[in-house]
PDB file of N, CA and C in Angstrom:
ATOM      1  N   MET A   1       3.171  -7.729  -1.317  1.00  0.00           N
ATOM      2  CA  MET A   1       2.063  -8.249  -2.005  1.00  0.00           C
ATOM      3  C   MET A   1       2.606  -8.700  -3.507  1.00  0.00           C
ATOM      4  N   ARG A   2       2.519  -9.524  -4.033  1.00  0.00           N
ATOM      5  CA  ARG A   2       3.270  -9.915  -5.315  1.00  0.00           C
ATOM      6  C   ARG A   2       2.401  -9.321  -6.450  1.00  0.00           C
ATOM      7  N   ALA A   3       2.947  -9.225  -7.594  1.00  0.00           N
ATOM      8  CA  ALA A   3       2.144  -8.316  -8.603  1.00  0.00           C
ATOM      9  C   ALA A   3       1.187  -9.120  -9.149  1.00  0.00           C
ATOM     10  N   SER A   4       1.187 -10.527  -8.971  1.00  0.00           N
ATOM     11  CA  SER A   4       0.047 -11.316  -9.347  1.00  0.00           C
ATOM     12  C   SER A   4      -1.178 -11.218  -8.794  1.00  0.00           C
ATOM     13  N   SER A   5      -0.951 -10.969  -7.492  1.00  0.00           N
ATOM     14  CA  SER A   5      -1.792 -10.777  -6.225  1.00  0.00           C
ATOM     15  C   SER A   5      -2.606  -9.238  -6.715  1.00  0.00           C
ATOM     16  N   LYS A   6      -1.753  -8.573  -6.954  1.00  0.00           N
ATOM     17  CA  LYS A   6      -2.208  -7.129  -7.067  1.00  0.00           C
ATOM     18  C   LYS A   6      -3.278  -7.259  -8.302  1.00  0.00           C
ATOM     19  N   LYS A   7      -2.551  -7.914  -9.374  1.00  0.00           N
ATOM     20  CA  LYS A   7      -3.545  -8.045 -10.624  1.00  0.00           C
ATOM     21  C   LYS A   7      -4.876  -8.635 -10.425  1.00  0.00           C
ATOM     22  N   ALA A   8      -4.784  -9.610  -9.461  1.00  0.00           N
ATOM     23  CA  ALA A   8      -6.058 -10.459  -9.368  1.00  0.00           C
ATOM     24  C   ALA A   8      -7.211  -9.565  -8.667  1.00  0.00           C
ATOM     25  N   LYS A   9      -6.502  -8.987  -7.463  1.00  0.00           N
ATOM     26  CA  LYS A   9      -7.352  -8.033  -6.731  1.00  0.00           C
ATOM     27  C   LYS A   9      -8.107  -7.044  -7.492  1.00  0.00           C
ATOM     28  N   GLY A  10      -7.377  -6.488  -8.577  1.00  0.00           N
ATOM     29  CA  GLY A  10      -8.055  -5.530  -9.449  1.00  0.00           C
ATOM     30  C   GLY A  10      -8.911  -6.275 -10.428  1.00  0.00           C
ATOM     31  N   ARG A  11      -8.295  -7.422 -10.933  1.00  0.00           N
ATOM     32  CA  ARG A  11      -9.379  -8.384 -11.807  1.00  0.00           C
ATOM     33  C   ARG A  11     -10.896  -8.392 -11.428  1.00  0.00           C
ATOM     34  N   ARG A  12     -10.544  -8.895  -9.849  1.00  0.00           N
ATOM     35  CA  ARG A  12     -12.037  -9.068  -9.479  1.00  0.00           C
ATOM     36  C   ARG A  12     -13.067  -7.956  -9.142  1.00  0.00           C
ATOM     37  N   LEU A  13     -12.367  -6.708  -8.950  1.00  0.00           N
ATOM     38  CA  LEU A  13     -13.214  -5.344  -8.917  1.00  0.00           C
ATOM     39  C   LEU A  13     -13.872  -5.097 -10.161  1.00  0.00           C
ATOM     40  N   GLN A  14     -12.953  -5.337 -11.468  1.00  0.00           N
ATOM     41  CA  GLN A  14     -13.319  -5.174 -12.734  1.00  0.00           C
ATOM     42  C   GLN A  14     -14.633  -6.148 -12.983  1.00  0.00           C
ATOM     43  N   GLN A  15     -14.264  -7.484 -12.769  1.00  0.00           N
ATOM     44  CA  GLN A  15     -15.646  -8.380 -13.014  1.00  0.00           C
ATOM     45  C   GLN A  15     -16.731  -7.981 -12.163  1.00  0.00           C
ATOM     46  N   GLU A  16     -16.412  -7.606 -11.055  1.00  0.00           N
ATOM     47  CA  GLU A  16     -17.652  -7.294  -9.952  1.00  0.00           C
ATOM     48  C   GLU A  16     -18.447  -6.082 -10.567  1.00  0.00           C
ATOM     49  N   VAL A  17     -17.776  -5.239 -11.225  1.00  0.00           N
ATOM     50  CA  VAL A  17     -18.228  -3.927 -11.845  1.00  0.00           C
ATOM     51  C   VAL A  17     -18.828  -4.269 -13.124  1.00  0.00           C
ATOM     52  N   ALA A  18     -18.445  -5.201 -13.887  1.00  0.00           N
ATOM     53  CA  ALA A  18     -18.912  -5.667 -15.288  1.00  0.00           C
ATOM     54  C   ALA A  18     -20.143  -6.310 -14.893  1.00  0.00           C
ATOM     55  N   GLN A  19     -20.184  -7.044 -13.755  1.00  0.00           N
ATOM     56  CA  GLN A  19     -21.467  -7.999 -13.514  1.00  0.00           C
ATOM     57  C   GLN A  19     -22.619  -6.859 -13.074  1.00  0.00           C
ATOM     58  N   LYS A  20     -22.435  -5.935 -12.241  1.00  0.00           N
ATOM     59  CA  LYS A  20     -23.363  -5.061 -11.542  1.00  0.00           C
ATOM     60  C   LYS A  20     -23.780  -3.996 -13.122  1.00  0.00           C
ATOM     61  N   ILE A  21     -22.980  -3.653 -13.973  1.00  0.00           N
ATOM     62  CA  ILE A  21     -23.528  -3.086 -15.030  1.00  0.00           C
ATOM     63  C   ILE A  21     -24.433  -3.943 -16.025  1.00  0.00           C
ATOM     64  N   SER A  22     -23.920  -5.254 -16.081  1.00  0.00           N
ATOM     65  CA  SER A  22     -24.809  -6.220 -16.903  1.00  0.00           C
ATOM     66  C   SER A  22     -26.326  -6.596 -16.047  1.00  0.00           C
ATOM     67  N   GLU A  23     -26.229  -6.719 -14.979  1.00  0.00           N
ATOM     68  CA  GLU A  23     -27.626  -6.521 -14.296  1.00  0.00           C
ATOM     69  C   GLU A  23     -28.225  -5.296 -14.354  1.00  0.00           C
ATOM     70  N   ALA A  24     -27.610  -4.254 -14.319  1.00  0.00           N
ATOM     71  CA  ALA A  24     -28.439  -2.968 -14.358  1.00  0.00           C
ATOM     72  C   ALA A  24     -29.142  -2.636 -15.992  1.00  0.00           C
ATOM     73  N   ILE A  25     -28.290  -3.081 -16.796  1.00  0.00           N
ATOM     74  CA  ILE A  25     -28.625  -2.688 -18.013  1.00  0.00           C
ATOM     75  C   ILE A  25     -29.370  -3.832 -18.951  1.00  0.00           C
ATOM     76  N   GLY A  26     -29.308  -5.163 -18.394  1.00  0.00           N
ATOM     77  CA  GLY A  26     -30.011  -6.357 -18.947  1.00  0.00           C
ATOM     78  C   GLY A  26     -29.246  -6.899 -20.183  1.00  0.00           C
ATOM     79  N   LEU A  27     -27.963  -6.638 -20.194  1.00  0.00           N
ATOM     80  CA  LEU A  27     -27.104  -7.182 -21.438  1.00  0.00           C
ATOM     81  C   LEU A  27     -26.044  -8.000 -20.397  1.00  0.00           C
ATOM     82  N   PRO A  28     -25.655  -9.337 -21.398  1.00  0.00           N
ATOM     83  CA  PRO A  28     -24.528 -10.152 -20.540  1.00  0.00           C
ATOM     84  C   PRO A  28     -23.201  -9.597 -20.627  1.00  0.00           C
ATOM     85  N   CYS A  29     -22.425 -10.174 -19.494  1.00  0.00           N
ATOM     86  CA  CYS A  29     -21.102  -9.720 -19.537  1.00  0.00           C
ATOM     87  C   CYS A  29     -20.143 -11.056 -19.693  1.00  0.00           C
ATOM     88  N   GLY A  30     -18.982 -10.970 -19.826  1.00  0.00           N
ATOM     89  CA  GLY A  30     -18.187 -11.967 -20.013  1.00  0.00           C
ATOM     90  C   GLY A  30     -17.262 -11.779 -21.120  1.00  0.00           C
ATOM     91  N   GLN A  31     -16.376 -12.916 -21.488  1.00  0.00           N
ATOM     92  CA  GLN A  31     -15.631 -13.019 -22.664  1.00  0.00           C
ATOM     93  C   GLN A  31     -16.496 -12.979 -24.239  1.00  0.00           C
ATOM     94  N   ASP A  32     -16.224 -11.859 -24.962  1.00  0.00           N
ATOM     95  CA  ASP A  32     -16.886 -11.693 -26.265  1.00  0.00           C
ATOM     96  C   ASP A  32     -18.229 -11.483 -26.000  1.00  0.00           C
ATOM     97  N   GLN A  33     -18.765 -10.697 -24.979  1.00  0.00           N
ATOM     98  CA  GLN A  33     -20.078 -10.506 -24.845  1.00  0.00           C
ATOM     99  C   GLN A  33     -20.050  -8.807 -24.603  1.00  0.00           C
ATOM    100  N   PRO A  34     -21.313  -8.305 -24.646  1.00  0.00           N
ATOM    101  CA  PRO A  34     -21.586  -6.692 -24.798  1.00  0.00           C
ATOM    102  C   PRO A  34     -20.604  -6.044 -23.683  1.00  0.00           C
ATOM    103  N   ILE A  35     -20.588  -6.603 -22.782  1.00  0.00           N
ATOM    104  CA  ILE A  35     -20.101  -5.924 -21.346  1.00  0.00           C
ATOM    105  C   ILE A  35     -18.830  -6.910 -21.079  1.00  0.00           C
ATOM    106  N   GLU A  36     -17.520  -6.566 -21.168  1.00  0.00           N
ATOM    107  CA  GLU A  36     -16.461  -7.124 -20.705  1.00  0.00           C
ATOM    108  C   GLU A  36     -15.090  -6.659 -19.993  1.00  0.00           C
ATOM    109  N   SER A  37     -14.927  -7.178 -18.962  1.00  0.00           N
ATOM    110  CA  SER A  37     -13.834  -6.721 -18.252  1.00  0.00           C
ATOM    111  C   SER A  37     -12.443  -6.883 -18.850  1.00  0.00           C
ATOM    112  N   ARG A  38     -11.827  -5.748 -19.165  1.00  0.00           N
ATOM    113  CA  ARG A  38     -10.663  -5.786 -20.219  1.00  0.00           C
ATOM    114  C   ARG A  38      -9.399  -6.333 -19.234  1.00  0.00           C
ATOM    115  N   GLY A  39      -8.532  -7.244 -19.919  1.00  0.00           N
ATOM    116  CA  GLY A  39      -7.498  -7.760 -19.414  1.00  0.00           C
ATOM    117  C   GLY A  39      -6.636  -6.821 -18.530  1.00  0.00           C
ATOM    118  N   MET A  40      -5.834  -7.350 -17.510  1.00  0.00           N
ATOM    119  CA  MET A  40      -4.994  -6.345 -16.734  1.00  0.00           C
ATOM    120  C   MET A  40      -3.970  -5.777 -17.814  1.00  0.00           C
ATOM    121  N   SER A  41      -3.239  -4.623 -17.329  1.00  0.00           N
ATOM    122  CA  SER A  41      -2.209  -4.046 -17.999  1.00  0.00           C
ATOM    123  C   SER A  41      -2.633  -3.535 -19.673  1.00  0.00           C
ATOM    124  N   GLN A  42      -3.741  -3.669 -20.139  1.00  0.00           N
ATOM    125  CA  GLN A  42      -4.362  -3.277 -21.314  1.00  0.00           C
ATOM    126  C   GLN A  42      -4.392  -1.648 -21.138  1.00  0.00           C
ATOM    127  N   ASN A  43      -4.349  -1.031 -22.525  1.00  0.00           N
ATOM    128  CA  ASN A  43      -4.740   0.230 -22.220  1.00  0.00           C
ATOM    129  C   ASN A  43      -6.200   0.674 -22.544  1.00  0.00           C
ATOM    130  N   GLY A  44      -6.614   1.712 -22.206  1.00  0.00           N
ATOM    131  CA  GLY A  44      -8.139   2.101 -22.179  1.00  0.00           C
ATOM    132  C   GLY A  44      -8.801   1.912 -21.029  1.00  0.00           C
ATOM    133  N   VAL A  45     -10.267   1.984 -21.157  1.00  0.00           N
ATOM    134  CA  VAL A  45     -10.840   1.712 -20.249  1.00  0.00           C
ATOM    135  C   VAL A  45     -11.128   0.291 -19.611  1.00  0.00           C
ATOM    136  N   ASP A  46     -11.275   0.162 -18.277  1.00  0.00           N
ATOM    137  CA  ASP A  46     -11.278  -1.168 -17.645  1.00  0.00           C
ATOM    138  C   ASP A  46     -12.467  -1.919 -18.008  1.00  0.00           C
ATOM    139  N   ILE A  47     -13.829  -1.582 -18.342  1.00  0.00           N
ATOM    140  CA  ILE A  47     -14.698  -2.280 -18.887  1.00  0.00           C
ATOM    141  C   ILE A  47     -15.221  -1.824 -20.241  1.00  0.00           C
ATOM    142  N   ARG A  48     -15.066  -2.762 -21.007  1.00  0.00           N
ATOM    143  CA  ARG A  48     -15.090  -2.715 -22.471  1.00  0.00           C
ATOM    144  C   ARG A  48     -16.809  -2.836 -22.742  1.00  0.00           C
ATOM    145  N   LEU A  49     -17.144  -1.777 -23.385  1.00  0.00           N
ATOM    146  CA  LEU A  49     -18.671  -1.799 -23.580  1.00  0.00           C
ATOM    147  C   LEU A  49     -19.058  -1.871 -25.098  1.00  0.00           C
ATOM    148  N   ASP A  50     -19.683  -2.491 -25.857  1.00  0.00           N
ATOM    149  CA  ASP A  50     -20.128  -2.373 -27.015  1.00  0.00           C
ATOM    150  C   ASP A  50     -21.097  -1.400 -27.367  1.00  0.00           C
ATOM    151  N   SER A  51     -21.349  -1.041 -28.400  1.00  0.00           N
ATOM    152  CA  SER A  51     -22.062   0.119 -28.889  1.00  0.00           C
ATOM    153  C   SER A  51     -23.612   0.255 -28.086  1.00  0.00           C
ATOM    154  N   GLU A  52     -24.299  -0.958 -28.074  1.00  0.00           N
ATOM    155  CA  GLU A  52     -25.685  -0.949 -27.359  1.00  0.00           C
ATOM    156  C   GLU A  52     -25.441  -0.765 -25.891  1.00  0.00           C
ATOM    157  N   ALA A  53     -24.242  -1.627 -25.560  1.00  0.00           N
ATOM    158  CA  ALA A  53     -24.179  -1.305 -23.749  1.00  0.00           C
ATOM    159  C   ALA A  53     -23.734   0.139 -23.461  1.00  0.00           C
ATOM    160  N   ARG A  54     -22.943   0.541 -24.346  1.00  0.00           N
ATOM    161  CA  ARG A  54     -22.619   2.251 -24.233  1.00  0.00           C
ATOM    162  C   ARG A  54     -23.852   3.101 -24.293  1.00  0.00           C
ATOM    163  N   LYS A  55     -24.855   2.762 -24.964  1.00  0.00           N
ATOM    164  CA  LYS A  55     -26.163   3.441 -25.207  1.00  0.00           C
ATOM    165  C   LYS A  55     -26.694   3.353 -23.877  1.00  0.00           C
ATOM    166  N   ARG A  56     -26.907   2.294 -23.343  1.00  0.00           N
ATOM    167  CA  ARG A  56     -27.492   2.115 -21.941  1.00  0.00           C
ATOM    168  C   ARG A  56     -26.755   2.591 -20.790  1.00  0.00           C
ATOM    169  N   PHE A  57     -25.535   2.613 -20.909  1.00  0.00           N
ATOM    170  CA  PHE A  57     -24.553   2.975 -19.718  1.00  0.00           C
ATOM    171  C   PHE A  57     -23.590   3.763 -20.131  1.00  0.00           C
ATOM    172  N   PRO A  58     -23.969   5.005 -20.466  1.00  0.00           N
ATOM    173  CA  PRO A  58     -22.736   5.970 -21.061  1.00  0.00           C
ATOM    174  C   PRO A  58     -21.561   6.273 -20.277  1.00  0.00           C
ATOM    175  N   TYR A  59     -20.673   5.552 -19.650  1.00  0.00           N
ATOM    176  CA  TYR A  59     -19.628   5.931 -18.861  1.00  0.00           C
ATOM    177  C   TYR A  59     -18.474   5.146 -19.166  1.00  0.00           C
ATOM    178  N   SER A  60     -17.370   5.799 -19.071  1.00  0.00           N
ATOM    179  CA  SER A  60     -16.001   5.106 -19.351  1.00  0.00           C
ATOM    180  C   SER A  60     -15.232   4.847 -17.860  1.00  0.00           C
ATOM    181  N   VAL A  61     -15.334   3.661 -17.727  1.00  0.00           N
ATOM    182  CA  VAL A  61     -15.128   3.065 -16.402  1.00  0.00           C
ATOM    183  C   VAL A  61     -13.650   2.971 -15.919  1.00  0.00           C
ATOM    184  N   GLU A  62     -13.138   3.225 -15.125  1.00  0.00           N
ATOM    185  CA  GLU A  62     -11.794   2.948 -14.376  1.00  0.00           C
ATOM    186  C   GLU A  62     -11.686   2.485 -12.911  1.00  0.00           C
ATOM    187  N   CYS A  63     -11.301   1.335 -12.865  1.00  0.00           N
ATOM    188  CA  CYS A  63     -11.623   0.538 -11.483  1.00  0.00           C
ATOM    189  C   CYS A  63     -10.158   0.403 -10.955  1.00  0.00           C
ATOM    190  N   LYS A  64     -10.055   0.899  -9.517  1.00  0.00           N
ATOM    191  CA  LYS A  64      -8.814   0.769  -8.715  1.00  0.00           C
ATOM    192  C   LYS A  64      -9.264  -0.022  -7.494  1.00  0.00           C
ATOM    193  N   ASN A  65      -8.487  -0.838  -7.218  1.00  0.00           N
ATOM    194  CA  ASN A  65      -8.625  -1.831  -5.855  1.00  0.00           C
ATOM    195  C   ASN A  65      -7.403  -1.662  -5.411  1.00  0.00           C
ATOM    196  N   GLN A  66      -7.233  -0.592  -4.531  1.00  0.00           N
ATOM    197  CA  GLN A  66      -5.805  -0.503  -3.851  1.00  0.00           C
ATOM    198  C   GLN A  66      -5.835  -0.061  -2.408  1.00  0.00           C
ATOM    199  N   GLU A  67      -4.771  -0.259  -1.563  1.00  0.00           N
ATOM    200  CA  GLU A  67      -4.778  -0.136  -0.346  1.00  0.00           C
ATOM    201  C   GLU A  67      -4.513   1.530  -0.258  1.00  0.00           C
ATOM    202  N   THR A  68      -3.853   2.203  -1.019  1.00  0.00           N
ATOM    203  CA  THR A  68      -3.178   3.708  -0.953  1.00  0.00           C
ATOM    204  C   THR A  68      -3.814   4.251  -2.061  1.00  0.00           C
ATOM    205  N   TRP A  69      -4.930   5.338  -1.825  1.00  0.00           N
ATOM    206  CA  TRP A  69      -5.552   5.966  -2.863  1.00  0.00           C
ATOM    207  C   TRP A  69      -4.815   7.128  -3.474  1.00  0.00           C
ATOM    208  N   SER A  70      -4.977   7.103  -4.789  1.00  0.00           N
ATOM    209  CA  SER A  70      -4.280   8.295  -5.475  1.00  0.00           C
ATOM    210  C   SER A  70      -5.546   8.891  -6.466  1.00  0.00           C
ATOM    211  N   LEU A  71      -6.622   9.381  -5.885  1.00  0.00           N
ATOM    212  CA  LEU A  71      -7.690   9.973  -6.532  1.00  0.00           C
ATOM    213  C   LEU A  71      -7.451  10.869  -7.548  1.00  0.00           C
ATOM    214  N   PRO A  72      -6.657  11.784  -7.368  1.00  0.00           N
ATOM    215  CA  PRO A  72      -6.361  13.010  -8.524  1.00  0.00           C
ATOM    216  C   PRO A  72      -5.580  12.081  -9.625  1.00  0.00           C
ATOM    217  N   ALA A  73      -4.881  11.421  -9.298  1.00  0.00           N
ATOM    218  CA  ALA A  73      -4.154  10.450 -10.766  1.00  0.00           C
ATOM    219  C   ALA A  73      -5.043   9.605 -11.191  1.00  0.00           C
ATOM    220  N   TRP A  74      -6.134   9.075 -10.508  1.00  0.00           N
ATOM    221  CA  TRP A  74      -7.082   8.112 -11.092  1.00  0.00           C
ATOM    222  C   TRP A  74      -7.928   8.846 -11.888  1.00  0.00           C
ATOM    223  N   ILE A  75      -8.482   9.917 -11.371  1.00  0.00           N
ATOM    224  CA  ILE A  75      -9.452  10.869 -12.452  1.00  0.00           C
ATOM    225  C   ILE A  75      -8.932  11.017 -13.694  1.00  0.00           C
ATOM    226  N   LYS A  76      -7.527  11.533 -13.548  1.00  0.00           N
ATOM    227  CA  LYS A  76      -6.866  12.133 -14.634  1.00  0.00           C
ATOM    228  C   LYS A  76      -6.721  10.992 -15.663  1.00  0.00           C
ATOM    229  N   GLN A  77      -6.350   9.514 -15.197  1.00  0.00           N
ATOM    230  CA  GLN A  77      -6.438   8.510 -16.170  1.00  0.00           C
ATOM    231  C   GLN A  77      -7.721   8.190 -16.515  1.00  0.00           C
ATOM    232  N   ALA A  78      -8.883   8.408 -15.711  1.00  0.00           N
ATOM    233  CA  ALA A  78     -10.220   8.032 -16.511  1.00  0.00           C
ATOM    234  C   ALA A  78     -10.604   8.977 -17.517  1.00  0.00           C
ATOM    235  N   GLN A  79     -10.264  10.409 -17.112  1.00  0.00           N
ATOM    236  CA  GLN A  79     -10.520  11.319 -18.133  1.00  0.00           C
ATOM    237  C   GLN A  79      -9.651  11.073 -19.484  1.00  0.00           C
ATOM    238  N   GLU A  80      -8.279  10.904 -19.472  1.00  0.00           N
ATOM    239  CA  GLU A  80      -7.705  10.386 -20.595  1.00  0.00           C
ATOM    240  C   GLU A  80      -8.102   9.289 -21.260  1.00  0.00           C
ATOM    241  N   ASN A  81      -8.708   8.287 -20.747  1.00  0.00           N
ATOM    242  CA  ASN A  81      -9.383   7.055 -21.403  1.00  0.00           C
ATOM    243  C   ASN A  81     -10.592   7.312 -21.692  1.00  0.00           C
ATOM    244  N   GLN A  82     -11.559   8.528 -21.298  1.00  0.00           N
ATOM    245  CA  GLN A  82     -12.787   8.626 -21.684  1.00  0.00           C
ATOM    246  C   GLN A  82     -13.269   8.463 -23.182  1.00  0.00           C
ATOM    247  N   MET A  83     -14.410   7.750 -23.623  1.00  0.00           N
ATOM    248  CA  MET A  83     -14.605   7.462 -24.736  1.00  0.00           C
ATOM    249  C   MET A  83     -15.573   8.592 -25.178  1.00  0.00           C
ATOM    250  N   ASP A  84     -15.574   8.786 -26.426  1.00  0.00           N
ATOM    251  CA  ASP A  84     -16.630   9.861 -27.217  1.00  0.00           C
ATOM    252  C   ASP A  84     -18.130   9.293 -26.498  1.00  0.00           C
ATOM    253  N   GLY A  85     -18.810  10.422 -26.286  1.00  0.00           N
ATOM    254  CA  GLY A  85     -20.016  10.237 -25.873  1.00  0.00           C
ATOM    255  C   GLY A  85     -20.445   9.685 -24.461  1.00  0.00           C
ATOM    256  N   THR A  86     -19.422   9.556 -23.678  1.00  0.00           N
ATOM    257  CA  THR A  86     -19.540   8.771 -22.353  1.00  0.00           C
ATOM    258  C   THR A  86     -18.996   9.868 -21.268  1.00  0.00           C
ATOM    259  N   ASP A  87     -19.189   9.744 -20.119  1.00  0.00           N
ATOM    260  CA  ASP A  87     -18.804  10.396 -18.979  1.00  0.00           C
ATOM    261  C   ASP A  87     -17.719   9.438 -18.232  1.00  0.00           C
ATOM    262  N   TRP A  88     -16.676  10.156 -17.591  1.00  0.00           N
ATOM    263  CA  TRP A  88     -15.985   9.056 -16.882  1.00  0.00           C
ATOM    264  C   TRP A  88     -16.461   8.907 -15.620  1.00  0.00           C
ATOM    265  N   MET A  89     -15.984   7.755 -15.083  1.00  0.00           N
ATOM    266  CA  MET A  89     -16.329   7.010 -13.680  1.00  0.00           C
ATOM    267  C   MET A  89     -15.222   6.248 -13.160  1.00  0.00           C
ATOM    268  N   VAL A  90     -14.953   6.650 -11.794  1.00  0.00           N
ATOM    269  CA  VAL A  90     -13.840   5.823 -11.116  1.00  0.00           C
ATOM    270  C   VAL A  90     -14.625   5.118 -10.259  1.00  0.00           C
ATOM    271  N   VAL A  91     -14.146   3.780 -10.144  1.00  0.00           N
ATOM    272  CA  VAL A  91     -14.667   3.029  -9.087  1.00  0.00           C
ATOM    273  C   VAL A  91     -13.616   2.584  -8.258  1.00  0.00           C
ATOM    274  N   CYS A  92     -13.624   2.997  -6.869  1.00  0.00           N
ATOM    275  CA  CYS A  92     -12.280   2.572  -5.915  1.00  0.00           C
ATOM    276  C   CYS A  92     -12.771   1.492  -5.049  1.00  0.00           C
ATOM    277  N   SER A  93     -12.033   0.889  -4.571  1.00  0.00           N
ATOM    278  CA  SER A  93     -12.118  -0.014  -3.438  1.00  0.00           C
ATOM    279  C   SER A  93     -10.989  -0.225  -2.653  1.00  0.00           C
ATOM    280  N   LYS A  94     -10.820  -0.932  -1.614  1.00  0.00           N
ATOM    281  CA  LYS A  94      -9.582  -1.388  -0.659  1.00  0.00           C
ATOM    282  C   LYS A  94     -10.107  -2.613   0.003  1.00  0.00           C
ATOM    283  N   ASN A  95      -9.114  -3.262   0.348  1.00  0.00           N
ATOM    284  CA  ASN A  95      -9.598  -4.434   1.287  1.00  0.00           C
ATOM    285  C   ASN A  95     -10.610  -4.338   2.290  1.00  0.00           C
ATOM    286  N   ARG A  96     -11.472  -5.167   2.351  1.00  0.00           N
ATOM    287  CA  ARG A  96     -12.671  -5.143   3.436  1.00  0.00           C
ATOM    288  C   ARG A  96     -13.357  -3.952   3.709  1.00  0.00           C
ATOM    289  N   THR A  97     -13.843  -3.115   2.473  1.00  0.00           N
ATOM    290  CA  THR A  97     -14.473  -2.041   2.179  1.00  0.00           C
ATOM    291  C   THR A  97     -15.423  -2.153   1.113  1.00  0.00           C
ATOM    292  N   ARG A  98     -16.407  -1.529   0.842  1.00  0.00           N
ATOM    293  CA  ARG A  98     -17.314  -1.540  -0.088  1.00  0.00           C
ATOM    294  C   ARG A  98     -16.790  -0.485  -1.166  1.00  0.00           C
ATOM    295  N   ALA A  99     -17.024  -0.890  -2.225  1.00  0.00           N
ATOM    296  CA  ALA A  99     -16.415   0.112  -3.463  1.00  0.00           C
ATOM    297  C   ALA A  99     -17.426   1.424  -3.543  1.00  0.00           C
ATOM    298  N   VAL A 100     -16.645   2.334  -4.047  1.00  0.00           N
ATOM    299  CA  VAL A 100     -17.274   3.835  -4.121  1.00  0.00           C
ATOM    300  C   VAL A 100     -17.111   4.202  -5.649  1.00  0.00           C
ATOM    301  N   VAL A 101     -18.132   4.980  -6.072  1.00  0.00           N
ATOM    302  CA  VAL A 101     -18.044   5.662  -7.260  1.00  0.00           C
ATOM    303  C   VAL A 101     -17.789   7.108  -7.243  1.00  0.00           C
ATOM    304  N   VAL A 102     -16.545   7.629  -8.188  1.00  0.00           N
ATOM    305  CA  VAL A 102     -16.599   9.133  -8.283  1.00  0.00           C
ATOM    306  C   VAL A 102     -16.650   9.483  -9.448  1.00  0.00           C
ATOM    307  N   LEU A 103     -17.725  10.505  -9.538  1.00  0.00           N
ATOM    308  CA  LEU A 103     -18.299  11.094 -10.741  1.00  0.00           C
ATOM    309  C   LEU A 103     -17.865  12.615 -10.942  1.00  0.00           C
ATOM    310  N   ASP A 104     -17.781  13.254 -11.823  1.00  0.00           N
ATOM    311  CA  ASP A 104     -17.909  14.596 -12.011  1.00  0.00           C
ATOM    312  C   ASP A 104     -18.987  15.241 -11.387  1.00  0.00           C
ATOM    313  N   ILE A 105     -18.999  16.330 -10.829  1.00  0.00           N
ATOM    314  CA  ILE A 105     -20.035  17.082 -10.001  1.00  0.00           C
ATOM    315  C   ILE A 105     -21.197  17.162 -10.915  1.00  0.00           C
ATOM    316  N   ASP A 106     -21.111  17.674 -12.135  1.00  0.00           N
ATOM    317  CA  ASP A 106     -22.249  18.285 -12.744  1.00  0.00           C
ATOM    318  C   ASP A 106     -22.792  16.760 -13.310  1.00  0.00           C
ATOM    319  N   VAL A 107     -22.187  15.768 -13.528  1.00  0.00           N
ATOM    320  CA  VAL A 107     -22.853  14.375 -13.858  1.00  0.00           C
ATOM    321  C   VAL A 107     -23.750  13.851 -12.698  1.00  0.00           C
ATOM    322  N   PHE A 108     -23.232  13.947 -11.624  1.00  0.00           N
ATOM    323  CA  PHE A 108     -24.027  13.496 -10.585  1.00  0.00           C
ATOM    324  C   PHE A 108     -25.208  14.232 -10.226  1.00  0.00           C
ATOM    325  N   PHE A 109     -25.260  15.517 -10.256  1.00  0.00           N
ATOM    326  CA  PHE A 109     -26.492  16.490 -10.311  1.00  0.00           C
ATOM    327  C   PHE A 109     -27.318  16.341 -11.359  1.00  0.00           C
ATOM    328  N   GLU A 110     -26.832  16.080 -12.529  1.00  0.00           N
ATOM    329  CA  GLU A 110     -27.942  15.875 -13.472  1.00  0.00           C
ATOM    330  C   GLU A 110     -28.173  14.431 -13.346  1.00  0.00           C
ATOM    331  N   LEU A 111     -27.576  13.505 -12.755  1.00  0.00           N
ATOM    332  CA  LEU A 111     -28.482  12.155 -12.538  1.00  0.00           C
ATOM    333  C   LEU A 111     -29.425  12.365 -11.560  1.00  0.00           C
ATOM    334  N   PHE A 112     -28.988  13.200 -10.420  1.00  0.00           N
ATOM    335  CA  PHE A 112     -30.130  13.475  -9.298  1.00  0.00           C
ATOM    336  C   PHE A 112     -31.267  14.064  -9.828  1.00  0.00           C
ATOM    337  N   LYS A 113     -30.938  14.947 -10.748  1.00  0.00           N
ATOM    338  CA  LYS A 113     -32.219  15.499 -11.261  1.00  0.00           C
ATOM    339  C   LYS A 113     -33.143  14.599 -11.901  1.00  0.00           C
ATOM    340  N   LYS A 114     -32.507  13.868 -12.717  1.00  0.00           N
ATOM    341  CA  LYS A 114     -33.483  12.884 -13.428  1.00  0.00           C
ATOM    342  C   LYS A 114     -34.230  12.095 -12.670  1.00  0.00           C
ATOM    343  N   SER A 115     -33.541  11.377 -11.505  1.00  0.00           N
ATOM    344  CA  SER A 115     -34.040  10.662 -10.683  1.00  0.00           C
ATOM    345  C   SER A 115     -35.127  11.206  -9.941  1.00  0.00           C
ATOM    346  N   PHE A 116     -34.994  12.565  -9.490  1.00  0.00           N
ATOM    347  CA  PHE A 116     -35.882  13.540  -8.568  1.00  0.00           C
ATOM    348  C   PHE A 116     -37.293  13.569  -9.414  1.00  0.00           C
ATOM    349  N   GLN A 117     -36.957  13.882 -10.558  1.00  0.00           N
ATOM    350  CA  GLN A 117     -38.263  14.182 -11.683  1.00  0.00           C
ATOM    351  C   GLN A 117     -39.005  12.696 -11.871  1.00  0.00           C
ATOM    352  N   SER A 118     -38.588  11.671 -11.779  1.00  0.00           N
ATOM    353  CA  SER A 118     -39.104  10.458 -11.982  1.00  0.00           C
ATOM    354  C   SER A 118     -40.306  10.182 -11.179  1.00  0.00           C
TER     355      SER A 118
END
């Protein structure tokens, strides 16, 4: 697979995740919007959130769309790019599969308790 094809595949997942965040929190996504998919090969989180978006969606998102999964390395990268006041999140996908989300176990159960109490 060519490098440009690999980057396009990753970019599609990032844009899909940005769109889903936008729909979930009611803020627009796109270039120069509160929610923006970061360009390929840039340092930091894959989905840039402005301060209002980060209040509504307090996660630092790392997106990986690859056929071979290296989950421990991806988690480490997400933790290293984690922004203050957020929890890390890894969104993983590969061809012809639905994306999955990986969170810290304590974050997951805190979310579960909140949803259970509602």
